[in-house]
Amino acid sequence: MTAASLQTPALVSALPTMIVREHLHDRLLSELREMIVRGELKAGAKIPERELCERFQVSRTPLREALKVLAFEGFVKLKPNRGAVIAELTIAELAETFPIIAVVEELAGELAAKNMPDAEIVAVRKLHDQMRTHFEKRELAPYFDCNQKIHEAIQSGARNDTLYSIYRNIESRVRCARLFVNVSENRWAEAMEEHEEIIRALEARDAQALSAILKKHVSSKFKRIEDMFAREGAIAPDIAPRQA
């Protein structure tokens, strides 16, 4: 019996455990991220570790591993001897982030107009029509879900994995702010009209028009968020560059 044959059973028996742990980590991370984005875990609040462990039937070890990832992504702040708290978005952070999202969306639009298969464009049109129905019925949650899927489809249609990865990492951080401004500003009509322009440019495969309207769409979204903070005083609209 060779050394390799002696090692094989141990390796095989270890693989299922490794896979289960990896799936658990990914699922837990995804669930926690969505709870933050939905506002179920409030900004500034301490994370209830015991309750979350009971809810997801996990020990504190995988939960804290997930929290470390969320801290790296900017969703969570880890405080020595105080546990973890949900990070608060500031207008300064949004002012730094939205221009990056705008550039990523602009490039994705240009690439999607050239690379997106016809079948995927048809699917985006169906999502757009569903979104309009939700808009007309003032159904915010399903409207926003369709909205999110449309933007993700365009990013995917660009056929650039690096660009898509950048988008996912940045966009999830400000998704809750984008949702909040739609409710607070009552500006669905304007956003819906911009999406009409987006879908028309995509169907025409007009790369220049699609990239321009996507960049405008994101930029106008930040302007509405900025106006909201200034008007409601939720966070002082101080967007001056940070001091070194």
Protein backbone atom coordinates (compact mmCIF):
# COMPACT_ATOMS: atom_id res chain seq x y z
CA MET A 1 0.00 0.00 0.00
CA THR A 2 1.46 3.34 -1.04
CA ALA A 3 1.61 6.56 0.95
CA ALA A 4 -0.83 8.11 -1.50
CA SER A 5 -3.41 5.39 -0.93
CA LEU A 6 -3.13 5.86 2.82
CA GLN A 7 -3.83 9.58 2.50
CA THR A 8 -6.72 9.33 0.05
CA PRO A 9 -9.48 8.14 2.45
CA ALA A 10 -8.69 10.92 4.91
CA LEU A 11 -8.76 13.50 2.14
CA VAL A 12 -12.07 12.24 0.77
CA SER A 13 -13.69 12.17 4.19
CA ALA A 14 -12.59 15.75 4.84
CA LEU A 15 -14.07 17.15 1.63
CA PRO A 16 -17.79 16.98 2.54
CA THR A 17 -17.11 18.83 5.81
CA MET A 18 -15.13 21.50 3.97
CA ILE A 19 -17.93 21.95 1.42
CA VAL A 20 -20.63 22.17 4.10
CA ARG A 21 -18.65 24.79 6.01
CA GLU A 22 -18.09 26.81 2.85
CA HIS A 23 -21.80 26.73 1.97
CA LEU A 24 -22.70 27.72 5.54
CA HIS A 25 -20.31 30.67 5.44
CA ASP A 26 -21.63 31.91 2.10
CA ARG A 27 -25.28 31.54 3.13
CA LEU A 28 -24.75 33.23 6.48
CA LEU A 29 -22.79 36.07 4.89
CA SER A 30 -25.48 36.61 2.27
CA GLU A 31 -28.31 36.57 4.82
CA LEU A 32 -26.58 39.05 7.13
CA ARG A 33 -25.73 41.39 4.26
CA GLU A 34 -29.36 41.41 3.08
CA MET A 35 -30.62 42.03 6.62
CA ILE A 36 -28.45 45.15 6.74
CA VAL A 37 -29.48 46.33 3.28
CA ARG A 38 -33.18 45.82 4.08
CA GLY A 39 -32.78 47.77 7.31
CA GLU A 40 -33.67 44.80 9.49
CA LEU A 41 -30.38 45.43 11.27
CA LYS A 42 -30.32 49.18 11.86
CA ALA A 43 -27.34 51.44 11.29
CA GLY A 44 -25.52 52.19 14.54
CA ALA A 45 -27.16 49.29 16.40
CA LYS A 46 -25.19 46.58 18.17
CA ILE A 47 -25.39 43.23 16.42
CA PRO A 48 -27.39 40.74 18.54
CA GLU A 49 -25.03 37.78 18.20
CA ARG A 50 -26.99 35.40 20.45
CA GLU A 51 -30.26 36.07 18.60
CA LEU A 52 -28.62 35.60 15.21
CA CYS A 53 -26.97 32.36 16.29
CA GLU A 54 -30.36 31.03 17.37
CA ARG A 55 -32.06 32.26 14.19
CA PHE A 56 -29.54 30.63 11.84
CA GLN A 57 -28.75 27.67 14.10
CA VAL A 58 -25.00 28.31 14.12
CA SER A 59 -22.34 28.77 16.77
CA ARG A 60 -20.64 32.09 17.36
CA THR A 61 -17.53 31.04 15.42
CA PRO A 62 -19.07 31.08 11.90
CA LEU A 63 -21.11 34.16 12.81
CA ARG A 64 -18.00 36.09 13.85
CA GLU A 65 -16.16 34.93 10.73
CA ALA A 66 -18.99 36.38 8.64
CA LEU A 67 -18.91 39.62 10.65
CA LYS A 68 -15.19 40.00 9.90
CA VAL A 69 -15.96 39.82 6.17
CA LEU A 70 -18.76 42.34 6.56
CA ALA A 71 -16.39 44.62 8.45
CA PHE A 72 -13.93 44.40 5.56
CA GLU A 73 -16.76 45.31 3.16
CA GLY A 74 -17.72 48.29 5.30
CA PHE A 75 -21.09 47.03 6.52
CA VAL A 76 -19.97 46.43 10.10
CA LYS A 77 -17.61 48.01 12.59
CA LEU A 78 -15.83 45.77 15.08
CA LYS A 79 -15.25 47.47 18.43
CA PRO A 80 -12.86 45.96 21.02
CA ASN A 81 -14.70 44.66 24.09
CA ARG A 82 -17.99 45.97 22.69
CA GLY A 83 -18.77 43.51 19.95
CA ALA A 84 -19.89 44.56 16.45
CA VAL A 85 -22.21 47.36 15.34
CA ILE A 86 -23.84 48.12 12.00
CA ALA A 87 -21.85 50.84 10.24
CA GLU A 88 -23.62 54.11 9.51
CA LEU A 89 -23.45 55.57 6.03
CA THR A 90 -22.37 59.20 5.99
CA ILE A 91 -22.96 61.68 3.21
CA ALA A 92 -19.16 61.98 2.89
CA GLU A 93 -18.88 58.24 2.21
CA LEU A 94 -21.73 58.34 -0.29
CA ALA A 95 -20.10 61.31 -2.03
CA GLU A 96 -16.98 59.21 -2.49
CA THR A 97 -18.81 56.06 -3.56
CA PHE A 98 -21.47 57.25 -6.01
CA PRO A 99 -19.03 58.69 -8.58
CA ILE A 100 -17.32 55.30 -8.68
CA ILE A 101 -20.65 53.54 -9.19
CA ALA A 102 -21.51 56.05 -11.93
CA VAL A 103 -18.29 55.28 -13.82
CA VAL A 104 -18.78 51.51 -13.41
CA GLU A 105 -22.38 51.77 -14.68
CA GLU A 106 -21.26 53.97 -17.57
CA LEU A 107 -18.64 51.45 -18.73
CA ALA A 108 -21.00 48.51 -18.21
CA GLY A 109 -23.60 50.20 -20.40
CA GLU A 110 -21.12 50.69 -23.20
CA LEU A 111 -19.98 47.06 -23.05
CA ALA A 112 -23.48 45.60 -22.60
CA ALA A 113 -24.73 47.40 -25.71
CA LYS A 114 -22.04 45.57 -27.66
CA ASN A 115 -21.86 42.21 -25.89
CA MET A 116 -25.26 41.41 -24.40
CA PRO A 117 -27.06 38.57 -26.23
CA ASP A 118 -30.46 39.35 -27.72
CA ALA A 119 -32.19 36.89 -25.40
CA GLU A 120 -30.86 38.71 -22.35
CA ILE A 121 -32.04 42.06 -23.68
CA VAL A 122 -35.51 40.57 -24.12
CA ALA A 123 -35.36 39.37 -20.50
CA VAL A 124 -34.39 42.86 -19.33
CA ARG A 125 -37.37 44.31 -21.24
CA LYS A 126 -39.67 41.89 -19.39
CA LEU A 127 -38.17 42.97 -16.07
CA HIS A 128 -38.67 46.59 -17.06
CA ASP A 129 -42.34 45.98 -17.90
CA GLN A 130 -42.82 44.24 -14.55
CA MET A 131 -41.17 47.17 -12.81
CA ARG A 132 -43.53 49.61 -14.52
CA THR A 133 -46.52 47.59 -13.29
CA HIS A 134 -45.19 47.76 -9.73
CA PHE A 135 -44.57 51.49 -10.18
CA GLU A 136 -48.15 52.07 -11.29
CA LYS A 137 -49.44 50.11 -8.29
CA ARG A 138 -46.95 51.86 -5.95
CA GLU A 139 -45.52 48.51 -4.86
CA LEU A 140 -42.11 49.59 -3.62
CA ALA A 141 -40.46 46.28 -2.65
CA PRO A 142 -41.11 44.37 -5.91
CA TYR A 143 -40.38 47.56 -7.90
CA PHE A 144 -37.00 47.88 -6.26
CA ASP A 145 -36.32 44.16 -6.75
CA CYS A 146 -36.91 44.49 -10.51
CA ASN A 147 -34.83 47.66 -10.57
CA GLN A 148 -31.94 45.87 -8.93
CA LYS A 149 -32.18 42.90 -11.31
CA ILE A 150 -32.11 45.22 -14.34
CA HIS A 151 -28.91 46.91 -13.22
CA GLU A 152 -27.32 43.58 -12.38
CA ALA A 153 -28.35 42.16 -15.77
CA ILE A 154 -26.66 45.06 -17.55
CA GLN A 155 -23.52 44.55 -15.49
CA SER A 156 -23.58 40.84 -16.32
CA GLY A 157 -24.29 41.60 -19.98
CA ALA A 158 -21.09 43.63 -20.18
CA ARG A 159 -19.24 40.29 -20.04
CA ASN A 160 -16.45 41.69 -17.86
CA ASP A 161 -15.97 39.73 -14.64
CA THR A 162 -13.66 42.30 -13.04
CA LEU A 163 -16.12 45.12 -13.65
CA TYR A 164 -19.01 43.04 -12.30
CA SER A 165 -17.06 42.20 -9.14
CA ILE A 166 -16.31 45.87 -8.51
CA TYR A 167 -19.97 46.73 -9.01
CA ARG A 168 -21.21 44.07 -6.59
CA ASN A 169 -18.77 45.08 -3.86
CA ILE A 170 -19.58 48.79 -4.06
CA GLU A 171 -23.27 48.83 -4.94
CA SER A 172 -24.40 46.62 -2.07
CA ARG A 173 -22.92 49.12 0.38
CA VAL A 174 -25.24 51.94 -0.75
CA ARG A 175 -28.29 49.96 -1.86
CA CYS A 176 -30.26 50.86 1.25
CA ALA A 177 -29.60 54.58 0.63
CA ARG A 178 -30.84 54.25 -2.97
CA LEU A 179 -34.02 52.60 -1.74
CA PHE A 180 -34.58 55.15 1.00
CA VAL A 181 -34.40 58.14 -1.31
CA ASN A 182 -37.06 56.71 -3.62
CA VAL A 183 -39.45 56.58 -0.69
CA SER A 184 -38.49 59.90 0.88
CA GLU A 185 -38.36 61.99 -2.26
CA ASN A 186 -41.42 60.53 -3.94
CA ARG A 187 -39.57 60.79 -7.25
CA TRP A 188 -40.57 57.50 -8.82
CA ALA A 189 -41.79 59.17 -12.00
CA GLU A 190 -38.39 60.67 -12.72
CA ALA A 191 -36.57 57.42 -11.99
CA MET A 192 -39.04 55.49 -14.12
CA GLU A 193 -38.53 57.83 -17.07
CA GLU A 194 -34.77 57.36 -16.80
CA HIS A 195 -35.30 53.59 -16.92
CA GLU A 196 -37.41 54.02 -20.07
CA GLU A 197 -34.42 55.73 -21.67
CA ILE A 198 -32.12 52.97 -20.44
CA ILE A 199 -34.19 50.17 -21.96
CA ARG A 200 -34.64 51.98 -25.27
CA ALA A 201 -30.89 52.59 -25.61
CA LEU A 202 -30.13 48.97 -24.71
CA GLU A 203 -32.60 47.61 -27.29
CA ALA A 204 -31.10 49.93 -29.90
CA ARG A 205 -27.61 48.81 -28.88
CA ASP A 206 -26.66 52.47 -28.67
CA ALA A 207 -23.52 52.21 -26.53
CA GLN A 208 -22.97 55.95 -26.25
CA ALA A 209 -26.56 56.73 -25.24
CA LEU A 210 -26.79 53.82 -22.79
CA SER A 211 -23.55 54.67 -21.00
CA ALA A 212 -24.55 58.35 -20.76
CA ILE A 213 -28.02 57.72 -19.32
CA LEU A 214 -26.70 55.18 -16.80
CA LYS A 215 -24.12 57.66 -15.56
CA LYS A 216 -26.78 60.38 -15.37
CA HIS A 217 -29.16 57.99 -13.57
CA VAL A 218 -26.66 57.28 -10.80
CA SER A 219 -25.54 60.91 -10.51
CA SER A 220 -29.11 62.18 -10.18
CA LYS A 221 -29.76 59.53 -7.54
CA PHE A 222 -26.94 60.89 -5.41
CA LYS A 223 -28.19 64.46 -5.88
CA ARG A 224 -31.58 63.44 -4.49
CA ILE A 225 -29.90 61.70 -1.55
CA GLU A 226 -27.80 64.80 -0.88
CA ASP A 227 -30.90 67.00 -0.99
CA MET A 228 -32.71 64.63 1.37
CA PHE A 229 -29.95 64.77 3.98
CA ALA A 230 -29.75 68.55 3.71
CA ARG A 231 -33.52 68.98 4.06
CA GLU A 232 -34.23 66.42 6.76
CA GLY A 233 -31.00 66.85 8.66
CA ALA A 234 -30.46 63.11 8.96
CA ILE A 235 -26.76 63.64 8.45
CA ALA A 236 -25.07 67.00 7.95
CA PRO A 237 -24.31 67.40 4.25
CA ASP A 238 -20.58 67.87 4.75
CA ILE A 239 -18.95 66.42 1.66
CA ALA A 240 -15.63 68.27 1.82
CA PRO A 241 -12.55 66.12 1.10
CA ARG A 242 -11.28 64.28 4.15
CA GLN A 243 -8.19 65.72 5.77
CA ALA A 244 -5.02 63.62 5.65
